[in-house]
ModelCIF file with pLDDT and N, C-alpha, C, O atoms, coordinates in Angstrom:
data_MODEL
#
_entry.id   MODEL 
#
_entity.id                         1 
_entity.type                       polymer 
_entity.pdbx_number_of_molecules   1 
#
_entity_poly.entity_id                      1 
_entity_poly.type                           'polypeptide(L)' 
_entity_poly.nstd_linkage                   no 
_entity_poly.nstd_monomer                   no 
_entity_poly.pdbx_seq_one_letter_code       VGHLITPDGPIARGSTIVQRIGVGVIFVESATRVVDVWDTVAPSDG 
_entity_poly.pdbx_seq_one_letter_code_can   VGHLITPDGPIARGSTIVQRIGVGVIFVESATRVVDVWDTVAPSDG 
_entity_poly.pdbx_strand_id                 A 
#
loop_
_entity_poly_seq.entity_id 
_entity_poly_seq.num 
_entity_poly_seq.mon_id 
_entity_poly_seq.hetero 
1 1  VAL n 
1 2  GLY n 
1 3  HIS n 
1 4  LEU n 
1 5  ILE n 
1 6  THR n 
1 7  PRO n 
1 8  ASP n 
1 9  GLY n 
1 10 PRO n 
1 11 ILE n 
1 12 ALA n 
1 13 ARG n 
1 14 GLY n 
1 15 SER n 
1 16 THR n 
1 17 ILE n 
1 18 VAL n 
1 19 GLN n 
1 20 ARG n 
1 21 ILE n 
1 22 GLY n 
1 23 VAL n 
1 24 GLY n 
1 25 VAL n 
1 26 ILE n 
1 27 PHE n 
1 28 VAL n 
1 29 GLU n 
1 30 SER n 
1 31 ALA n 
1 32 THR n 
1 33 ARG n 
1 34 VAL n 
1 35 VAL n 
1 36 ASP n 
1 37 VAL n 
1 38 TRP n 
1 39 ASP n 
1 40 THR n 
1 41 VAL n 
1 42 ALA n 
1 43 PRO n 
1 44 SER n 
1 45 ASP n 
1 46 GLY n 
#
_struct_asym.id          A 
_struct_asym.entity_id   1 
#
loop_
_ma_qa_metric.id 
_ma_qa_metric.mode 
_ma_qa_metric.name 
_ma_qa_metric.software_group_id 
_ma_qa_metric.type 
1 global pLDDT . pLDDT 
2 local  pLDDT . pLDDT 
#
_ma_qa_metric_global.metric_id      1 
_ma_qa_metric_global.metric_value   91.63 
_ma_qa_metric_global.model_id       1 
_ma_qa_metric_global.ordinal_id     1 
#
loop_
_ma_qa_metric_local.label_asym_id 
_ma_qa_metric_local.label_comp_id 
_ma_qa_metric_local.label_seq_id 
_ma_qa_metric_local.metric_id 
_ma_qa_metric_local.metric_value 
_ma_qa_metric_local.model_id 
_ma_qa_metric_local.ordinal_id 
A VAL 1  2 89.00 1 1  
A GLY 2  2 91.00 1 2  
A HIS 3  2 93.00 1 3  
A LEU 4  2 93.00 1 4  
A ILE 5  2 94.00 1 5  
A THR 6  2 92.00 1 6  
A PRO 7  2 92.00 1 7  
A ASP 8  2 88.00 1 8  
A GLY 9  2 87.00 1 9  
A PRO 10 2 92.00 1 10 
A ILE 11 2 96.00 1 11 
A ALA 12 2 96.00 1 12 
A ARG 13 2 97.00 1 13 
A GLY 14 2 96.00 1 14 
A SER 15 2 96.00 1 15 
A THR 16 2 96.00 1 16 
A ILE 17 2 96.00 1 17 
A VAL 18 2 95.00 1 18 
A GLN 19 2 94.00 1 19 
A ARG 20 2 93.00 1 20 
A ILE 21 2 88.00 1 21 
A GLY 22 2 82.00 1 22 
A VAL 23 2 74.00 1 23 
A GLY 24 2 78.00 1 24 
A VAL 25 2 84.00 1 25 
A ILE 26 2 87.00 1 26 
A PHE 27 2 89.00 1 27 
A VAL 28 2 89.00 1 28 
A GLU 29 2 92.00 1 29 
A SER 30 2 92.00 1 30 
A ALA 31 2 96.00 1 31 
A THR 32 2 96.00 1 32 
A ARG 33 2 97.00 1 33 
A VAL 34 2 98.00 1 34 
A VAL 35 2 97.00 1 35 
A ASP 36 2 97.00 1 36 
A VAL 37 2 98.00 1 37 
A TRP 38 2 97.00 1 38 
A ASP 39 2 96.00 1 39 
A THR 40 2 94.00 1 40 
A VAL 41 2 91.00 1 41 
A ALA 42 2 90.00 1 42 
A PRO 43 2 89.00 1 43 
A SER 44 2 88.00 1 44 
A ASP 45 2 86.00 1 45 
A GLY 46 2 84.00 1 46 
#
loop_
_atom_site.group_PDB 
_atom_site.id 
_atom_site.type_symbol 
_atom_site.label_atom_id 
_atom_site.label_alt_id 
_atom_site.label_comp_id 
_atom_site.label_asym_id 
_atom_site.label_entity_id 
_atom_site.label_seq_id 
_atom_site.pdbx_PDB_ins_code 
_atom_site.Cartn_x 
_atom_site.Cartn_y 
_atom_site.Cartn_z 
_atom_site.occupancy 
_atom_site.B_iso_or_equiv 
_atom_site.pdbx_formal_charge 
_atom_site.auth_seq_id 
_atom_site.auth_comp_id 
_atom_site.auth_asym_id 
_atom_site.auth_atom_id 
_atom_site.pdbx_PDB_model_num 
ATOM 1   N N  . VAL A 1 1  ? 99.593  115.303 117.248 1.00 89.00 ? 1  VAL A N  1 
ATOM 2   C CA . VAL A 1 1  ? 99.834  114.105 116.908 1.00 89.00 ? 1  VAL A CA 1 
ATOM 3   C C  . VAL A 1 1  ? 99.780  113.013 118.161 1.00 89.00 ? 1  VAL A C  1 
ATOM 4   O O  . VAL A 1 1  ? 100.765 112.880 118.887 1.00 89.00 ? 1  VAL A O  1 
ATOM 5   N N  . GLY A 1 2  ? 98.679  112.312 118.349 1.00 91.00 ? 2  GLY A N  1 
ATOM 6   C CA . GLY A 1 2  ? 99.247  111.378 119.385 1.00 91.00 ? 2  GLY A CA 1 
ATOM 7   C C  . GLY A 1 2  ? 98.692  110.054 119.007 1.00 91.00 ? 2  GLY A C  1 
ATOM 8   O O  . GLY A 1 2  ? 97.618  109.784 118.468 1.00 91.00 ? 2  GLY A O  1 
ATOM 9   N N  . HIS A 1 3  ? 100.155 108.896 119.615 1.00 93.00 ? 3  HIS A N  1 
ATOM 10  C CA . HIS A 1 3  ? 99.532  107.703 118.518 1.00 93.00 ? 3  HIS A CA 1 
ATOM 11  C C  . HIS A 1 3  ? 100.086 106.651 119.519 1.00 93.00 ? 3  HIS A C  1 
ATOM 12  O O  . HIS A 1 3  ? 100.701 107.112 120.481 1.00 93.00 ? 3  HIS A O  1 
ATOM 13  N N  . LEU A 1 4  ? 99.894  104.662 119.383 1.00 93.00 ? 4  LEU A N  1 
ATOM 14  C CA . LEU A 1 4  ? 99.905  103.737 119.887 1.00 93.00 ? 4  LEU A CA 1 
ATOM 15  C C  . LEU A 1 4  ? 99.900  102.566 118.781 1.00 93.00 ? 4  LEU A C  1 
ATOM 16  O O  . LEU A 1 4  ? 99.068  102.164 117.966 1.00 93.00 ? 4  LEU A O  1 
ATOM 17  N N  . ILE A 1 5  ? 101.348 102.168 119.166 1.00 94.00 ? 5  ILE A N  1 
ATOM 18  C CA . ILE A 1 5  ? 101.188 101.188 117.975 1.00 94.00 ? 5  ILE A CA 1 
ATOM 19  C C  . ILE A 1 5  ? 101.601 99.674  118.628 1.00 94.00 ? 5  ILE A C  1 
ATOM 20  O O  . ILE A 1 5  ? 102.414 99.492  119.534 1.00 94.00 ? 5  ILE A O  1 
ATOM 21  N N  . THR A 1 6  ? 100.986 98.867  118.069 1.00 92.00 ? 6  THR A N  1 
ATOM 22  C CA . THR A 1 6  ? 100.807 97.468  118.123 1.00 92.00 ? 6  THR A CA 1 
ATOM 23  C C  . THR A 1 6  ? 101.777 96.986  116.946 1.00 92.00 ? 6  THR A C  1 
ATOM 24  O O  . THR A 1 6  ? 102.153 97.974  116.316 1.00 92.00 ? 6  THR A O  1 
ATOM 25  N N  . PRO A 1 7  ? 102.264 95.892  116.482 1.00 92.00 ? 7  PRO A N  1 
ATOM 26  C CA . PRO A 1 7  ? 102.963 95.547  118.357 1.00 92.00 ? 7  PRO A CA 1 
ATOM 27  C C  . PRO A 1 7  ? 104.618 95.903  118.787 1.00 92.00 ? 7  PRO A C  1 
ATOM 28  O O  . PRO A 1 7  ? 105.543 95.312  118.228 1.00 92.00 ? 7  PRO A O  1 
ATOM 29  N N  . ASP A 1 8  ? 104.798 96.714  119.617 1.00 88.00 ? 8  ASP A N  1 
ATOM 30  C CA . ASP A 1 8  ? 105.596 97.672  120.415 1.00 88.00 ? 8  ASP A CA 1 
ATOM 31  C C  . ASP A 1 8  ? 106.784 96.881  119.474 1.00 88.00 ? 8  ASP A C  1 
ATOM 32  O O  . ASP A 1 8  ? 106.924 95.794  118.912 1.00 88.00 ? 8  ASP A O  1 
ATOM 33  N N  . GLY A 1 9  ? 107.808 98.588  119.748 1.00 87.00 ? 9  GLY A N  1 
ATOM 34  C CA . GLY A 1 9  ? 108.592 97.996  118.440 1.00 87.00 ? 9  GLY A CA 1 
ATOM 35  C C  . GLY A 1 9  ? 109.035 99.176  117.503 1.00 87.00 ? 9  GLY A C  1 
ATOM 36  O O  . GLY A 1 9  ? 108.507 100.287 117.508 1.00 87.00 ? 9  GLY A O  1 
ATOM 37  N N  . PRO A 1 10 ? 110.066 98.789  116.704 1.00 92.00 ? 10 PRO A N  1 
ATOM 38  C CA . PRO A 1 10 ? 110.135 99.585  115.449 1.00 92.00 ? 10 PRO A CA 1 
ATOM 39  C C  . PRO A 1 10 ? 108.544 99.163  114.461 1.00 92.00 ? 10 PRO A C  1 
ATOM 40  O O  . PRO A 1 10 ? 107.696 98.317  114.746 1.00 92.00 ? 10 PRO A O  1 
ATOM 41  N N  . ILE A 1 11 ? 108.590 100.081 113.304 1.00 96.00 ? 11 ILE A N  1 
ATOM 42  C CA . ILE A 1 11 ? 107.902 99.316  112.382 1.00 96.00 ? 11 ILE A CA 1 
ATOM 43  C C  . ILE A 1 11 ? 108.001 98.346  111.744 1.00 96.00 ? 11 ILE A C  1 
ATOM 44  O O  . ILE A 1 11 ? 108.814 98.557  110.844 1.00 96.00 ? 11 ILE A O  1 
ATOM 45  N N  . ALA A 1 12 ? 107.551 97.215  111.702 1.00 96.00 ? 12 ALA A N  1 
ATOM 46  C CA . ALA A 1 12 ? 107.064 96.358  111.081 1.00 96.00 ? 12 ALA A CA 1 
ATOM 47  C C  . ALA A 1 12 ? 105.840 96.458  109.745 1.00 96.00 ? 12 ALA A C  1 
ATOM 48  O O  . ALA A 1 12 ? 104.889 97.207  109.520 1.00 96.00 ? 12 ALA A O  1 
ATOM 49  N N  . ARG A 1 13 ? 106.343 95.488  109.169 1.00 97.00 ? 13 ARG A N  1 
ATOM 50  C CA . ARG A 1 13 ? 104.512 95.178  108.560 1.00 97.00 ? 13 ARG A CA 1 
ATOM 51  C C  . ARG A 1 13 ? 103.542 94.311  109.145 1.00 97.00 ? 13 ARG A C  1 
ATOM 52  O O  . ARG A 1 13 ? 103.332 93.145  109.479 1.00 97.00 ? 13 ARG A O  1 
ATOM 53  N N  . GLY A 1 14 ? 103.050 95.465  109.106 1.00 96.00 ? 14 GLY A N  1 
ATOM 54  C CA . GLY A 1 14 ? 101.455 94.258  109.852 1.00 96.00 ? 14 GLY A CA 1 
ATOM 55  C C  . GLY A 1 14 ? 101.220 94.854  111.462 1.00 96.00 ? 14 GLY A C  1 
ATOM 56  O O  . GLY A 1 14 ? 100.585 94.372  112.400 1.00 96.00 ? 14 GLY A O  1 
ATOM 57  N N  . SER A 1 15 ? 102.117 96.263  111.328 1.00 96.00 ? 15 SER A N  1 
ATOM 58  C CA . SER A 1 15 ? 102.016 97.087  112.986 1.00 96.00 ? 15 SER A CA 1 
ATOM 59  C C  . SER A 1 15 ? 100.646 97.728  112.444 1.00 96.00 ? 15 SER A C  1 
ATOM 60  O O  . SER A 1 15 ? 100.374 98.087  111.298 1.00 96.00 ? 15 SER A O  1 
ATOM 61  N N  . THR A 1 16 ? 99.717  97.772  113.831 1.00 96.00 ? 16 THR A N  1 
ATOM 62  C CA . THR A 1 16 ? 98.842  98.510  113.212 1.00 96.00 ? 16 THR A CA 1 
ATOM 63  C C  . THR A 1 16 ? 99.127  99.545  114.441 1.00 96.00 ? 16 THR A C  1 
ATOM 64  O O  . THR A 1 16 ? 99.897  99.343  115.380 1.00 96.00 ? 16 THR A O  1 
ATOM 65  N N  . ILE A 1 17 ? 98.215  100.853 114.182 1.00 96.00 ? 17 ILE A N  1 
ATOM 66  C CA . ILE A 1 17 ? 98.534  102.690 114.263 1.00 96.00 ? 17 ILE A CA 1 
ATOM 67  C C  . ILE A 1 17 ? 97.534  103.533 114.494 1.00 96.00 ? 17 ILE A C  1 
ATOM 68  O O  . ILE A 1 17 ? 97.009  104.148 113.566 1.00 96.00 ? 17 ILE A O  1 
ATOM 69  N N  . VAL A 1 18 ? 96.976  103.723 116.305 1.00 95.00 ? 18 VAL A N  1 
ATOM 70  C CA . VAL A 1 18 ? 95.847  104.388 116.010 1.00 95.00 ? 18 VAL A CA 1 
ATOM 71  C C  . VAL A 1 18 ? 96.991  105.755 116.246 1.00 95.00 ? 18 VAL A C  1 
ATOM 72  O O  . VAL A 1 18 ? 98.158  105.781 116.638 1.00 95.00 ? 18 VAL A O  1 
ATOM 73  N N  . GLN A 1 19 ? 95.855  107.028 115.721 1.00 94.00 ? 19 GLN A N  1 
ATOM 74  C CA . GLN A 1 19 ? 96.213  107.784 115.568 1.00 94.00 ? 19 GLN A CA 1 
ATOM 75  C C  . GLN A 1 19 ? 95.075  109.045 116.745 1.00 94.00 ? 19 GLN A C  1 
ATOM 76  O O  . GLN A 1 19 ? 93.975  108.850 117.260 1.00 94.00 ? 19 GLN A O  1 
ATOM 77  N N  . ARG A 1 20 ? 95.822  110.031 116.771 1.00 93.00 ? 20 ARG A N  1 
ATOM 78  C CA . ARG A 1 20 ? 94.390  111.145 118.056 1.00 93.00 ? 20 ARG A CA 1 
ATOM 79  C C  . ARG A 1 20 ? 95.465  112.186 116.904 1.00 93.00 ? 20 ARG A C  1 
ATOM 80  O O  . ARG A 1 20 ? 96.611  111.786 116.698 1.00 93.00 ? 20 ARG A O  1 
ATOM 81  N N  . ILE A 1 21 ? 94.991  113.451 116.245 1.00 88.00 ? 21 ILE A N  1 
ATOM 82  C CA . ILE A 1 21 ? 94.547  114.101 115.314 1.00 88.00 ? 21 ILE A CA 1 
ATOM 83  C C  . ILE A 1 21 ? 93.744  114.936 116.208 1.00 88.00 ? 21 ILE A C  1 
ATOM 84  O O  . ILE A 1 21 ? 92.707  114.402 116.603 1.00 88.00 ? 21 ILE A O  1 
ATOM 85  N N  . GLY A 1 22 ? 94.018  116.290 116.675 1.00 82.00 ? 22 GLY A N  1 
ATOM 86  C CA . GLY A 1 22 ? 93.564  117.196 117.175 1.00 82.00 ? 22 GLY A CA 1 
ATOM 87  C C  . GLY A 1 22 ? 93.609  118.872 117.388 1.00 82.00 ? 22 GLY A C  1 
ATOM 88  O O  . GLY A 1 22 ? 94.054  119.473 116.410 1.00 82.00 ? 22 GLY A O  1 
ATOM 89  N N  . VAL A 1 23 ? 93.261  119.589 118.381 1.00 74.00 ? 23 VAL A N  1 
ATOM 90  C CA . VAL A 1 23 ? 93.343  121.171 119.052 1.00 74.00 ? 23 VAL A CA 1 
ATOM 91  C C  . VAL A 1 23 ? 92.644  120.854 120.571 1.00 74.00 ? 23 VAL A C  1 
ATOM 92  O O  . VAL A 1 23 ? 91.955  119.853 120.768 1.00 74.00 ? 23 VAL A O  1 
ATOM 93  N N  . GLY A 1 24 ? 92.839  121.534 121.261 1.00 78.00 ? 24 GLY A N  1 
ATOM 94  C CA . GLY A 1 24 ? 92.486  122.181 122.483 1.00 78.00 ? 24 GLY A CA 1 
ATOM 95  C C  . GLY A 1 24 ? 92.265  120.679 122.895 1.00 78.00 ? 24 GLY A C  1 
ATOM 96  O O  . GLY A 1 24 ? 93.163  119.852 123.055 1.00 78.00 ? 24 GLY A O  1 
ATOM 97  N N  . VAL A 1 25 ? 90.660  120.430 123.067 1.00 84.00 ? 25 VAL A N  1 
ATOM 98  C CA . VAL A 1 25 ? 90.391  118.806 123.736 1.00 84.00 ? 25 VAL A CA 1 
ATOM 99  C C  . VAL A 1 25 ? 89.496  118.566 123.049 1.00 84.00 ? 25 VAL A C  1 
ATOM 100 O O  . VAL A 1 25 ? 88.344  118.686 123.466 1.00 84.00 ? 25 VAL A O  1 
ATOM 101 N N  . ILE A 1 26 ? 89.829  118.079 121.555 1.00 87.00 ? 26 ILE A N  1 
ATOM 102 C CA . ILE A 1 26 ? 88.961  117.968 120.612 1.00 87.00 ? 26 ILE A CA 1 
ATOM 103 C C  . ILE A 1 26 ? 89.510  117.003 119.974 1.00 87.00 ? 26 ILE A C  1 
ATOM 104 O O  . ILE A 1 26 ? 89.604  117.609 118.907 1.00 87.00 ? 26 ILE A O  1 
ATOM 105 N N  . PHE A 1 27 ? 90.147  115.547 119.654 1.00 89.00 ? 27 PHE A N  1 
ATOM 106 C CA . PHE A 1 27 ? 90.920  114.952 118.557 1.00 89.00 ? 27 PHE A CA 1 
ATOM 107 C C  . PHE A 1 27 ? 90.286  113.877 117.841 1.00 89.00 ? 27 PHE A C  1 
ATOM 108 O O  . PHE A 1 27 ? 89.449  113.222 118.463 1.00 89.00 ? 27 PHE A O  1 
ATOM 109 N N  . VAL A 1 28 ? 90.524  113.589 116.691 1.00 89.00 ? 28 VAL A N  1 
ATOM 110 C CA . VAL A 1 28 ? 89.620  112.782 115.552 1.00 89.00 ? 28 VAL A CA 1 
ATOM 111 C C  . VAL A 1 28 ? 90.953  111.760 116.114 1.00 89.00 ? 28 VAL A C  1 
ATOM 112 O O  . VAL A 1 28 ? 92.113  112.011 116.440 1.00 89.00 ? 28 VAL A O  1 
ATOM 113 N N  . GLU A 1 29 ? 89.838  110.035 116.011 1.00 92.00 ? 29 GLU A N  1 
ATOM 114 C CA . GLU A 1 29 ? 91.198  109.232 116.932 1.00 92.00 ? 29 GLU A CA 1 
ATOM 115 C C  . GLU A 1 29 ? 90.390  107.938 115.198 1.00 92.00 ? 29 GLU A C  1 
ATOM 116 O O  . GLU A 1 29 ? 89.260  107.728 114.757 1.00 92.00 ? 29 GLU A O  1 
ATOM 117 N N  . SER A 1 30 ? 91.938  107.412 114.793 1.00 92.00 ? 30 SER A N  1 
ATOM 118 C CA . SER A 1 30 ? 91.538  106.486 113.854 1.00 92.00 ? 30 SER A CA 1 
ATOM 119 C C  . SER A 1 30 ? 93.006  105.655 113.408 1.00 92.00 ? 30 SER A C  1 
ATOM 120 O O  . SER A 1 30 ? 94.115  105.858 113.901 1.00 92.00 ? 30 SER A O  1 
ATOM 121 N N  . ALA A 1 31 ? 92.725  104.860 112.542 1.00 96.00 ? 31 ALA A N  1 
ATOM 122 C CA . ALA A 1 31 ? 93.556  103.803 112.565 1.00 96.00 ? 31 ALA A CA 1 
ATOM 123 C C  . ALA A 1 31 ? 94.448  104.038 111.008 1.00 96.00 ? 31 ALA A C  1 
ATOM 124 O O  . ALA A 1 31 ? 94.019  104.703 110.065 1.00 96.00 ? 31 ALA A O  1 
ATOM 125 N N  . THR A 1 32 ? 95.676  103.356 111.047 1.00 96.00 ? 32 THR A N  1 
ATOM 126 C CA . THR A 1 32 ? 96.314  102.692 109.785 1.00 96.00 ? 32 THR A CA 1 
ATOM 127 C C  . THR A 1 32 ? 96.800  101.251 110.165 1.00 96.00 ? 32 THR A C  1 
ATOM 128 O O  . THR A 1 32 ? 96.620  100.523 111.141 1.00 96.00 ? 32 THR A O  1 
ATOM 129 N N  . ARG A 1 33 ? 97.618  101.123 108.769 1.00 97.00 ? 33 ARG A N  1 
ATOM 130 C CA . ARG A 1 33 ? 98.451  99.554  109.190 1.00 97.00 ? 33 ARG A CA 1 
ATOM 131 C C  . ARG A 1 33 ? 98.967  99.671  107.885 1.00 97.00 ? 33 ARG A C  1 
ATOM 132 O O  . ARG A 1 33 ? 98.526  99.815  106.744 1.00 97.00 ? 33 ARG A O  1 
ATOM 133 N N  . VAL A 1 34 ? 100.825 99.482  108.849 1.00 98.00 ? 34 VAL A N  1 
ATOM 134 C CA . VAL A 1 34 ? 101.336 99.168  107.444 1.00 98.00 ? 34 VAL A CA 1 
ATOM 135 C C  . VAL A 1 34 ? 102.012 97.756  106.853 1.00 98.00 ? 34 VAL A C  1 
ATOM 136 O O  . VAL A 1 34 ? 102.569 96.713  107.195 1.00 98.00 ? 34 VAL A O  1 
ATOM 137 N N  . VAL A 1 35 ? 101.462 98.637  105.534 1.00 97.00 ? 35 VAL A N  1 
ATOM 138 C CA . VAL A 1 35 ? 101.733 97.022  104.485 1.00 97.00 ? 35 VAL A CA 1 
ATOM 139 C C  . VAL A 1 35 ? 103.526 96.566  103.472 1.00 97.00 ? 35 VAL A C  1 
ATOM 140 O O  . VAL A 1 35 ? 103.949 95.774  102.629 1.00 97.00 ? 35 VAL A O  1 
ATOM 141 N N  . ASP A 1 36 ? 103.856 97.380  104.078 1.00 97.00 ? 36 ASP A N  1 
ATOM 142 C CA . ASP A 1 36 ? 105.392 97.572  103.842 1.00 97.00 ? 36 ASP A CA 1 
ATOM 143 C C  . ASP A 1 36 ? 106.428 98.717  104.436 1.00 97.00 ? 36 ASP A C  1 
ATOM 144 O O  . ASP A 1 36 ? 106.286 99.909  104.711 1.00 97.00 ? 36 ASP A O  1 
ATOM 145 N N  . VAL A 1 37 ? 107.662 97.684  104.513 1.00 98.00 ? 37 VAL A N  1 
ATOM 146 C CA . VAL A 1 37 ? 108.824 98.003  105.417 1.00 98.00 ? 37 VAL A CA 1 
ATOM 147 C C  . VAL A 1 37 ? 110.411 97.551  104.379 1.00 98.00 ? 37 VAL A C  1 
ATOM 148 O O  . VAL A 1 37 ? 111.029 96.489  104.308 1.00 98.00 ? 37 VAL A O  1 
ATOM 149 N N  . TRP A 1 38 ? 110.683 99.181  103.558 1.00 97.00 ? 38 TRP A N  1 
ATOM 150 C CA . TRP A 1 38 ? 112.130 98.961  103.077 1.00 97.00 ? 38 TRP A CA 1 
ATOM 151 C C  . TRP A 1 38 ? 113.365 100.125 103.576 1.00 97.00 ? 38 TRP A C  1 
ATOM 152 O O  . TRP A 1 38 ? 113.397 101.318 103.879 1.00 97.00 ? 38 TRP A O  1 
ATOM 153 N N  . ASP A 1 39 ? 114.550 98.719  103.426 1.00 96.00 ? 39 ASP A N  1 
ATOM 154 C CA . ASP A 1 39 ? 115.832 99.145  103.211 1.00 96.00 ? 39 ASP A CA 1 
ATOM 155 C C  . ASP A 1 39 ? 117.050 99.264  102.984 1.00 96.00 ? 39 ASP A C  1 
ATOM 156 O O  . ASP A 1 39 ? 117.980 98.966  103.733 1.00 96.00 ? 39 ASP A O  1 
ATOM 157 N N  . THR A 1 40 ? 117.093 99.783  101.758 1.00 94.00 ? 40 THR A N  1 
ATOM 158 C CA . THR A 1 40 ? 117.886 98.632  100.864 1.00 94.00 ? 40 THR A CA 1 
ATOM 159 C C  . THR A 1 40 ? 118.926 99.844  100.388 1.00 94.00 ? 40 THR A C  1 
ATOM 160 O O  . THR A 1 40 ? 118.920 100.986 100.849 1.00 94.00 ? 40 THR A O  1 
ATOM 161 N N  . VAL A 1 41 ? 119.852 99.313  99.322  1.00 91.00 ? 41 VAL A N  1 
ATOM 162 C CA . VAL A 1 41 ? 121.233 100.484 99.177  1.00 91.00 ? 41 VAL A CA 1 
ATOM 163 C C  . VAL A 1 41 ? 121.161 100.074 97.336  1.00 91.00 ? 41 VAL A C  1 
ATOM 164 O O  . VAL A 1 41 ? 120.947 98.899  97.039  1.00 91.00 ? 41 VAL A O  1 
ATOM 165 N N  . ALA A 1 42 ? 121.275 100.690 96.674  1.00 90.00 ? 42 ALA A N  1 
ATOM 166 C CA . ALA A 1 42 ? 121.463 100.229 95.377  1.00 90.00 ? 42 ALA A CA 1 
ATOM 167 C C  . ALA A 1 42 ? 123.300 99.725  94.904  1.00 90.00 ? 42 ALA A C  1 
ATOM 168 O O  . ALA A 1 42 ? 124.391 100.183 95.244  1.00 90.00 ? 42 ALA A O  1 
ATOM 169 N N  . PRO A 1 43 ? 123.037 99.004  94.323  1.00 89.00 ? 43 PRO A N  1 
ATOM 170 C CA . PRO A 1 43 ? 124.561 98.056  94.098  1.00 89.00 ? 43 PRO A CA 1 
ATOM 171 C C  . PRO A 1 43 ? 125.702 98.676  93.282  1.00 89.00 ? 43 PRO A C  1 
ATOM 172 O O  . PRO A 1 43 ? 126.920 98.499  93.281  1.00 89.00 ? 43 PRO A O  1 
ATOM 173 N N  . SER A 1 44 ? 124.400 99.914  92.194  1.00 88.00 ? 44 SER A N  1 
ATOM 174 C CA . SER A 1 44 ? 125.020 100.521 91.190  1.00 88.00 ? 44 SER A CA 1 
ATOM 175 C C  . SER A 1 44 ? 126.020 101.891 91.664  1.00 88.00 ? 44 SER A C  1 
ATOM 176 O O  . SER A 1 44 ? 126.966 102.454 91.112  1.00 88.00 ? 44 SER A O  1 
ATOM 177 N N  . ASP A 1 45 ? 125.305 102.106 92.952  1.00 86.00 ? 45 ASP A N  1 
ATOM 178 C CA . ASP A 1 45 ? 125.799 103.497 93.089  1.00 86.00 ? 45 ASP A CA 1 
ATOM 179 C C  . ASP A 1 45 ? 125.968 104.165 94.860  1.00 86.00 ? 45 ASP A C  1 
ATOM 180 O O  . ASP A 1 45 ? 126.221 105.201 95.476  1.00 86.00 ? 45 ASP A O  1 
ATOM 181 N N  . GLY A 1 46 ? 125.672 102.938 95.028  1.00 84.00 ? 46 GLY A N  1 
ATOM 182 C CA . GLY A 1 46 ? 125.319 102.575 97.363  1.00 84.00 ? 46 GLY A CA 1 
ATOM 183 C C  . GLY A 1 46 ? 124.468 104.020 97.924  1.00 84.00 ? 46 GLY A C  1 
ATOM 184 O O  . GLY A 1 46 ? 124.145 104.126 99.107  1.00 84.00 ? 46 GLY A O  1 
#
């Protein structure tokens, strides 16, 4: 999988990721958009 992300830097809500998946010299290109990012600690058990 080859990819490119905007904006540059770590994944953030709203990031667009273009991916190319393939074998040999043929690749399929498509894109996704990040809709949620989380980094949580549960107060009950850590």
